[in-house]
């Protein structure tokens, strides 16, 4: 995904944004894994009569972290394409 002003970015700025995006995406994916692990435990605990319904209802069903990580990966693809067009070296 491109943004206004991308064409004016220097090679160093592109490289720095890619690195920052990779760091943020890794954090989102780690958080997503923790949410999945928590949901698994809640699903198992939901088998407890009466209380299990309340536990099951507390599952985090969003994929927010996955969506954010994917958006950063898409952004990095665009930045990589821009870097290649500008002849930047990795």
C-alpha atoms as a PDB file:
ATOM      1  CA  UNK A   1       0.000   0.000   0.000  1.00  0.00           C
ATOM      2  CA  UNK A   2       1.394   3.330  -0.995  1.00  0.00           C
ATOM      3  CA  UNK A   3       1.141   6.637   0.813  1.00  0.00           C
ATOM      4  CA  UNK A   4       1.389  10.219  -0.351  1.00  0.00           C
ATOM      5  CA  UNK A   5       5.020  11.285  -0.322  1.00  0.00           C
ATOM      6  CA  UNK A   6       6.457   7.825  -0.909  1.00  0.00           C
ATOM      7  CA  UNK A   7       8.145   8.932  -4.116  1.00  0.00           C
ATOM      8  CA  UNK A   8      10.129  11.553  -2.179  1.00  0.00           C
ATOM      9  CA  UNK A   9      11.508   9.029   0.318  1.00  0.00           C
ATOM     10  CA  UNK A  10      15.237   8.439   0.357  1.00  0.00           C
ATOM     11  CA  UNK A  11      16.708   4.947   0.288  1.00  0.00           C
ATOM     12  CA  UNK A  12      17.667   5.291   3.948  1.00  0.00           C
ATOM     13  CA  UNK A  13      14.123   6.359   4.887  1.00  0.00           C
ATOM     14  CA  UNK A  14      12.685   3.389   3.003  1.00  0.00           C
ATOM     15  CA  UNK A  15      15.082   1.016   4.746  1.00  0.00           C
ATOM     16  CA  UNK A  16      14.255   2.460   8.180  1.00  0.00           C
ATOM     17  CA  UNK A  17      10.506   2.185   7.603  1.00  0.00           C
ATOM     18  CA  UNK A  18      10.837  -1.423   6.439  1.00  0.00           C
ATOM     19  CA  UNK A  19      12.821  -2.281   9.586  1.00  0.00           C
ATOM     20  CA  UNK A  20      10.283  -0.528  11.829  1.00  0.00           C
ATOM     21  CA  UNK A  21       7.414  -2.303  10.064  1.00  0.00           C
ATOM     22  CA  UNK A  22       9.117  -5.682  10.505  1.00  0.00           C
ATOM     23  CA  UNK A  23       9.569  -5.035  14.234  1.00  0.00           C
ATOM     24  CA  UNK A  24       5.935  -3.976  14.646  1.00  0.00           C
ATOM     25  CA  UNK A  25       4.638  -6.918  12.587  1.00  0.00           C
ATOM     26  CA  UNK A  26       6.658  -9.359  14.713  1.00  0.00           C
ATOM     27  CA  UNK A  27       5.128  -7.848  17.860  1.00  0.00           C
ATOM     28  CA  UNK A  28       1.606  -8.177  16.427  1.00  0.00           C
ATOM     29  CA  UNK A  29       2.219 -11.813  15.490  1.00  0.00           C
ATOM     30  CA  UNK A  30       3.599 -12.623  18.965  1.00  0.00           C
ATOM     31  CA  UNK A  31       0.524 -11.008  20.525  1.00  0.00           C
ATOM     32  CA  UNK A  32      -1.719 -12.990  18.170  1.00  0.00           C
ATOM     33  CA  UNK A  33      -0.056 -16.234  19.282  1.00  0.00           C
ATOM     34  CA  UNK A  34      -0.692 -15.324  22.949  1.00  0.00           C
ATOM     35  CA  UNK A  35      -4.351 -14.587  22.166  1.00  0.00           C
ATOM     36  CA  UNK A  36      -4.684 -17.928  20.367  1.00  0.00           C
ATOM     37  CA  UNK A  37      -3.118 -19.766  23.312  1.00  0.00           C
ATOM     38  CA  UNK A  38      -5.456 -17.989  25.719  1.00  0.00           C
ATOM     39  CA  UNK A  39      -8.444 -18.856  23.560  1.00  0.00           C
ATOM     40  CA  UNK A  40      -7.416 -22.517  23.519  1.00  0.00           C
ATOM     41  CA  UNK A  41      -7.274 -22.576  27.312  1.00  0.00           C
ATOM     42  CA  UNK A  42     -10.653 -20.831  27.518  1.00  0.00           C
ATOM     43  CA  UNK A  43     -12.168 -23.316  25.086  1.00  0.00           C
ATOM     44  CA  UNK A  44     -10.980 -26.217  27.211  1.00  0.00           C
ATOM     45  CA  UNK A  45     -12.277 -24.540  30.368  1.00  0.00           C
ATOM     46  CA  UNK A  46     -15.624 -23.886  28.690  1.00  0.00           C
ATOM     47  CA  UNK A  47     -16.464 -27.559  29.193  1.00  0.00           C
ATOM     48  CA  UNK A  48     -17.038 -26.830  32.900  1.00  0.00           C
ATOM     49  CA  UNK A  49     -20.802 -26.847  33.524  1.00  0.00           C
ATOM     50  CA  UNK A  50     -22.414 -23.414  34.100  1.00  0.00           C
ATOM     51  CA  UNK A  51     -19.136 -21.478  34.397  1.00  0.00           C
ATOM     52  CA  UNK A  52     -17.951 -22.744  31.025  1.00  0.00           C
ATOM     53  CA  UNK A  53     -20.440 -20.581  29.142  1.00  0.00           C
ATOM     54  CA  UNK A  54     -19.004 -17.428  30.720  1.00  0.00           C
ATOM     55  CA  UNK A  55     -15.446 -18.514  29.941  1.00  0.00           C
ATOM     56  CA  UNK A  56     -16.312 -19.374  26.338  1.00  0.00           C
ATOM     57  CA  UNK A  57     -17.951 -15.987  25.885  1.00  0.00           C
ATOM     58  CA  UNK A  58     -14.678 -14.275  26.833  1.00  0.00           C
ATOM     59  CA  UNK A  59     -12.771 -15.700  23.835  1.00  0.00           C
ATOM     60  CA  UNK A  60     -11.102 -13.057  21.673  1.00  0.00           C
ATOM     61  CA  UNK A  61     -12.469 -13.820  18.218  1.00  0.00           C
ATOM     62  CA  UNK A  62     -10.839 -10.906  16.416  1.00  0.00           C
ATOM     63  CA  UNK A  63      -7.883 -11.260  14.114  1.00  0.00           C
ATOM     64  CA  UNK A  64      -6.814  -7.662  14.675  1.00  0.00           C
ATOM     65  CA  UNK A  65      -3.157  -8.522  15.194  1.00  0.00           C
ATOM     66  CA  UNK A  66      -3.074 -10.664  12.048  1.00  0.00           C
ATOM     67  CA  UNK A  67      -4.687  -7.886  10.009  1.00  0.00           C
ATOM     68  CA  UNK A  68      -2.207  -5.297  11.290  1.00  0.00           C
ATOM     69  CA  UNK A  69       0.760  -7.568  10.616  1.00  0.00           C
ATOM     70  CA  UNK A  70      -0.527  -8.255   7.082  1.00  0.00           C
ATOM     71  CA  UNK A  71      -0.990  -4.519   6.452  1.00  0.00           C
ATOM     72  CA  UNK A  72       2.621  -3.919   7.461  1.00  0.00           C
ATOM     73  CA  UNK A  73       3.782  -6.744   5.192  1.00  0.00           C
ATOM     74  CA  UNK A  74       1.806  -5.204   2.317  1.00  0.00           C
ATOM     75  CA  UNK A  75       3.369  -1.825   3.061  1.00  0.00           C
ATOM     76  CA  UNK A  76       6.826  -3.400   3.013  1.00  0.00           C
ATOM     77  CA  UNK A  77       6.109  -4.957  -0.374  1.00  0.00           C
ATOM     78  CA  UNK A  78       5.290  -1.492  -1.723  1.00  0.00           C
ATOM     79  CA  UNK A  79       8.404  -0.018  -0.111  1.00  0.00           C
ATOM     80  CA  UNK A  80      10.535  -2.823  -1.551  1.00  0.00           C
ATOM     81  CA  UNK A  81       9.136  -2.119  -5.005  1.00  0.00           C
ATOM     82  CA  UNK A  82       9.858   1.599  -4.546  1.00  0.00           C
ATOM     83  CA  UNK A  83      13.391   0.846  -3.349  1.00  0.00           C
ATOM     84  CA  UNK A  84      13.996  -1.295  -6.409  1.00  0.00           C
ATOM     85  CA  UNK A  85      12.695   1.454  -8.714  1.00  0.00           C
ATOM     86  CA  UNK A  86      15.035   3.946  -7.058  1.00  0.00           C
ATOM     87  CA  UNK A  87      17.986   1.549  -7.311  1.00  0.00           C
ATOM     88  CA  UNK A  88      18.466   1.335  -3.547  1.00  0.00           C
ATOM     89  CA  UNK A  89      20.823  -1.310  -2.271  1.00  0.00           C
ATOM     90  CA  UNK A  90      19.775  -3.513   0.620  1.00  0.00           C
END
